[in-house]
Amino acid sequence: MNLRIKDIIKEKGMTITELADKMGINRVNLSNMVNGNPTVETLNKIADALCVPVTELFEQPKKDTVSITCPNCGKNINIKVE
C-alpha cells in the first residue's frame, strides 16, 4: 500500500512534527504510524488533521502506465500503456 502522507504534509507546508502536534501525539509515534501499517482509524485522524479526504492519502495508480520492479536492480520500470 503506497501512501502519500509525506507528500501531502509537504504540499500543505507542514512538518511531521506540526502534524503530530495537531493530532495531539508525538512525532515519533506519528512517524512510526506513517512508515508502518496504519489502521483505518489512524488514517482517518491523519486525513482530518490534514483537512483532506482519506482517499487523498492513497497513491492513485496511473491509468496510462504500468509499473514493474526490475528483479536485478530493484528499480521501478514504468511502461506506457496505449
N, C-alpha and C. Protein backbone atom coordinates (compact mmCIF):
# COMPACT_ATOMS: atom_id res chain seq x y z
N MET A 1 0.85 -1.17 0.00
CA MET A 1 0.00 0.00 0.00
C MET A 1 0.90 1.24 0.00
N ASN A 2 0.78 2.04 -1.02
CA ASN A 2 1.57 3.26 -1.11
C ASN A 2 0.73 4.43 -0.61
N LEU A 3 1.28 5.12 0.38
CA LEU A 3 0.59 6.27 0.95
C LEU A 3 1.28 7.56 0.53
N ARG A 4 0.50 8.62 0.43
CA ARG A 4 1.02 9.93 0.03
C ARG A 4 1.11 10.89 1.22
N ILE A 5 1.10 10.39 2.43
CA ILE A 5 1.03 11.25 3.61
C ILE A 5 2.17 12.25 3.63
N LYS A 6 3.39 11.79 3.41
CA LYS A 6 4.54 12.70 3.44
C LYS A 6 4.44 13.76 2.36
N ASP A 7 3.97 13.38 1.17
CA ASP A 7 3.79 14.34 0.08
C ASP A 7 2.75 15.40 0.45
N ILE A 8 1.66 14.97 1.05
CA ILE A 8 0.60 15.91 1.42
C ILE A 8 1.08 16.86 2.51
N ILE A 9 1.84 16.34 3.46
CA ILE A 9 2.40 17.19 4.51
C ILE A 9 3.24 18.30 3.87
N LYS A 10 4.09 17.93 2.90
CA LYS A 10 4.91 18.92 2.21
C LYS A 10 4.06 19.90 1.42
N GLU A 11 3.03 19.38 0.71
CA GLU A 11 2.13 20.24 -0.08
C GLU A 11 1.43 21.27 0.81
N LYS A 12 1.13 20.88 2.03
CA LYS A 12 0.44 21.77 2.97
C LYS A 12 1.41 22.73 3.66
N GLY A 13 2.71 22.58 3.39
CA GLY A 13 3.71 23.43 4.01
C GLY A 13 3.90 23.14 5.49
N MET A 14 3.64 21.90 5.87
CA MET A 14 3.76 21.49 7.27
C MET A 14 4.97 20.58 7.44
N THR A 15 5.27 20.30 8.69
CA THR A 15 6.27 19.29 9.02
C THR A 15 5.54 18.15 9.72
N ILE A 16 6.19 17.02 9.83
CA ILE A 16 5.58 15.89 10.52
C ILE A 16 5.38 16.23 12.01
N THR A 17 6.26 17.07 12.55
CA THR A 17 6.12 17.50 13.94
C THR A 17 4.87 18.36 14.12
N GLU A 18 4.62 19.26 13.19
CA GLU A 18 3.42 20.10 13.25
C GLU A 18 2.15 19.26 13.13
N LEU A 19 2.18 18.28 12.25
CA LEU A 19 1.02 17.39 12.10
C LEU A 19 0.80 16.60 13.38
N ALA A 20 1.88 16.08 13.95
CA ALA A 20 1.77 15.32 15.20
C ALA A 20 1.19 16.20 16.31
N ASP A 21 1.66 17.44 16.41
CA ASP A 21 1.12 18.37 17.41
C ASP A 21 -0.37 18.60 17.19
N LYS A 22 -0.76 18.77 15.95
CA LYS A 22 -2.18 18.99 15.61
C LYS A 22 -3.03 17.78 16.00
N MET A 23 -2.43 16.59 15.91
CA MET A 23 -3.15 15.36 16.25
C MET A 23 -3.07 15.04 17.74
N GLY A 24 -2.20 15.75 18.47
CA GLY A 24 -2.05 15.51 19.90
C GLY A 24 -1.22 14.29 20.24
N ILE A 25 -0.28 13.94 19.34
CA ILE A 25 0.62 12.81 19.59
C ILE A 25 2.04 13.29 19.35
N ASN A 26 3.03 12.46 19.73
CA ASN A 26 4.41 12.90 19.48
C ASN A 26 4.86 12.49 18.08
N ARG A 27 5.91 13.17 17.61
CA ARG A 27 6.41 12.99 16.26
C ARG A 27 6.85 11.55 15.99
N VAL A 28 7.49 10.93 16.96
CA VAL A 28 7.99 9.56 16.77
C VAL A 28 6.83 8.59 16.54
N ASN A 29 5.76 8.74 17.32
CA ASN A 29 4.60 7.86 17.13
C ASN A 29 3.97 8.06 15.76
N LEU A 30 3.83 9.33 15.34
CA LEU A 30 3.26 9.59 14.02
C LEU A 30 4.16 9.04 12.93
N SER A 31 5.45 9.23 13.06
CA SER A 31 6.38 8.72 12.07
C SER A 31 6.29 7.20 11.96
N ASN A 32 6.19 6.53 13.10
CA ASN A 32 6.04 5.06 13.09
C ASN A 32 4.74 4.65 12.42
N MET A 33 3.67 5.41 12.65
CA MET A 33 2.38 5.10 12.02
C MET A 33 2.47 5.27 10.50
N VAL A 34 3.07 6.37 10.06
CA VAL A 34 3.16 6.67 8.64
C VAL A 34 4.04 5.65 7.93
N ASN A 35 5.15 5.26 8.56
CA ASN A 35 6.09 4.33 7.92
C ASN A 35 5.70 2.87 8.11
N GLY A 36 4.78 2.61 9.01
CA GLY A 36 4.35 1.24 9.25
C GLY A 36 3.09 0.91 8.48
N ASN A 37 2.19 0.24 9.14
CA ASN A 37 0.93 -0.16 8.53
C ASN A 37 -0.20 0.47 9.35
N PRO A 38 -0.55 1.75 9.06
CA PRO A 38 -1.53 2.44 9.89
C PRO A 38 -2.93 1.83 9.79
N THR A 39 -3.66 1.92 10.90
CA THR A 39 -5.03 1.43 10.93
C THR A 39 -5.93 2.42 10.21
N VAL A 40 -7.15 1.99 9.91
CA VAL A 40 -8.13 2.87 9.28
C VAL A 40 -8.42 4.06 10.20
N GLU A 41 -8.49 3.80 11.49
CA GLU A 41 -8.74 4.88 12.46
C GLU A 41 -7.61 5.91 12.41
N THR A 42 -6.37 5.45 12.34
CA THR A 42 -5.23 6.36 12.26
C THR A 42 -5.26 7.15 10.96
N LEU A 43 -5.57 6.48 9.84
CA LEU A 43 -5.65 7.17 8.56
C LEU A 43 -6.73 8.25 8.59
N ASN A 44 -7.86 7.96 9.23
CA ASN A 44 -8.93 8.96 9.35
C ASN A 44 -8.47 10.15 10.17
N LYS A 45 -7.73 9.91 11.25
CA LYS A 45 -7.22 11.00 12.09
C LYS A 45 -6.22 11.86 11.32
N ILE A 46 -5.35 11.20 10.57
CA ILE A 46 -4.36 11.94 9.76
C ILE A 46 -5.07 12.78 8.70
N ALA A 47 -6.04 12.18 8.02
CA ALA A 47 -6.79 12.91 6.99
C ALA A 47 -7.51 14.12 7.59
N ASP A 48 -8.12 13.94 8.75
CA ASP A 48 -8.81 15.04 9.42
C ASP A 48 -7.83 16.16 9.77
N ALA A 49 -6.67 15.79 10.29
CA ALA A 49 -5.67 16.79 10.68
C ALA A 49 -5.12 17.53 9.47
N LEU A 50 -5.07 16.85 8.32
CA LEU A 50 -4.57 17.48 7.09
C LEU A 50 -5.69 18.16 6.30
N CYS A 51 -6.93 17.99 6.75
CA CYS A 51 -8.11 18.57 6.07
C CYS A 51 -8.23 18.06 4.64
N VAL A 52 -8.04 16.76 4.47
CA VAL A 52 -8.21 16.11 3.17
C VAL A 52 -9.07 14.87 3.35
N PRO A 53 -9.75 14.41 2.29
CA PRO A 53 -10.46 13.14 2.39
C PRO A 53 -9.45 12.00 2.54
N VAL A 54 -9.84 10.96 3.24
CA VAL A 54 -8.92 9.84 3.49
C VAL A 54 -8.42 9.22 2.18
N THR A 55 -9.22 9.27 1.14
CA THR A 55 -8.80 8.69 -0.15
C THR A 55 -7.60 9.44 -0.73
N GLU A 56 -7.41 10.71 -0.34
CA GLU A 56 -6.28 11.51 -0.82
C GLU A 56 -4.95 10.98 -0.29
N LEU A 57 -5.01 10.22 0.81
CA LEU A 57 -3.78 9.69 1.41
C LEU A 57 -3.18 8.54 0.61
N PHE A 58 -3.97 7.95 -0.27
CA PHE A 58 -3.50 6.80 -1.05
C PHE A 58 -3.01 7.24 -2.42
N GLU A 59 -1.91 6.65 -2.85
CA GLU A 59 -1.38 6.94 -4.17
C GLU A 59 -2.31 6.36 -5.21
N GLN A 60 -2.70 7.20 -6.15
CA GLN A 60 -3.59 6.76 -7.22
C GLN A 60 -2.77 6.15 -8.36
N PRO A 61 -3.16 4.98 -8.83
CA PRO A 61 -2.40 4.39 -9.94
C PRO A 61 -2.59 5.20 -11.21
N LYS A 62 -1.54 5.30 -11.98
CA LYS A 62 -1.63 5.98 -13.26
C LYS A 62 -2.31 5.04 -14.24
N LYS A 63 -3.30 5.54 -14.93
CA LYS A 63 -4.07 4.69 -15.82
C LYS A 63 -3.35 4.39 -17.13
N ASP A 64 -2.41 5.25 -17.51
CA ASP A 64 -1.75 5.04 -18.79
C ASP A 64 -0.36 4.41 -18.66
N THR A 65 0.02 4.02 -17.44
CA THR A 65 1.31 3.36 -17.26
C THR A 65 1.17 2.16 -16.34
N VAL A 66 2.07 1.24 -16.50
CA VAL A 66 2.17 0.08 -15.64
C VAL A 66 3.57 0.10 -15.06
N SER A 67 3.69 -0.16 -13.78
CA SER A 67 5.00 -0.14 -13.14
C SER A 67 5.37 -1.54 -12.68
N ILE A 68 6.57 -1.95 -13.03
CA ILE A 68 7.08 -3.24 -12.55
C ILE A 68 8.44 -2.98 -11.89
N THR A 69 8.87 -3.90 -11.07
CA THR A 69 10.16 -3.77 -10.39
C THR A 69 11.16 -4.70 -11.05
N CYS A 70 12.31 -4.16 -11.39
CA CYS A 70 13.37 -4.94 -12.01
C CYS A 70 13.88 -5.98 -11.00
N PRO A 71 13.90 -7.26 -11.37
CA PRO A 71 14.35 -8.29 -10.43
C PRO A 71 15.86 -8.23 -10.16
N ASN A 72 16.61 -7.57 -11.01
CA ASN A 72 18.06 -7.49 -10.83
C ASN A 72 18.50 -6.32 -9.96
N CYS A 73 17.96 -5.11 -10.28
CA CYS A 73 18.43 -3.92 -9.56
C CYS A 73 17.40 -3.37 -8.58
N GLY A 74 16.14 -3.81 -8.68
CA GLY A 74 15.11 -3.35 -7.76
C GLY A 74 14.49 -2.02 -8.12
N LYS A 75 14.89 -1.41 -9.25
CA LYS A 75 14.32 -0.13 -9.67
C LYS A 75 12.95 -0.35 -10.30
N ASN A 76 12.09 0.68 -10.16
CA ASN A 76 10.80 0.64 -10.82
C ASN A 76 10.97 0.96 -12.29
N ILE A 77 10.24 0.22 -13.12
CA ILE A 77 10.24 0.45 -14.56
C ILE A 77 8.81 0.78 -14.95
N ASN A 78 8.61 1.96 -15.52
CA ASN A 78 7.28 2.38 -15.96
C ASN A 78 7.13 2.11 -17.43
N ILE A 79 6.03 1.45 -17.77
CA ILE A 79 5.74 1.09 -19.15
C ILE A 79 4.45 1.80 -19.55
N LYS A 80 4.52 2.59 -20.62
CA LYS A 80 3.34 3.31 -21.09
C LYS A 80 2.40 2.34 -21.80
N VAL A 81 1.13 2.41 -21.40
CA VAL A 81 0.10 1.55 -21.99
C VAL A 81 -0.76 2.40 -22.90
N GLU A 82 -0.92 1.96 -24.12
CA GLU A 82 -1.74 2.73 -25.07
C GLU A 82 -3.01 2.00 -25.38
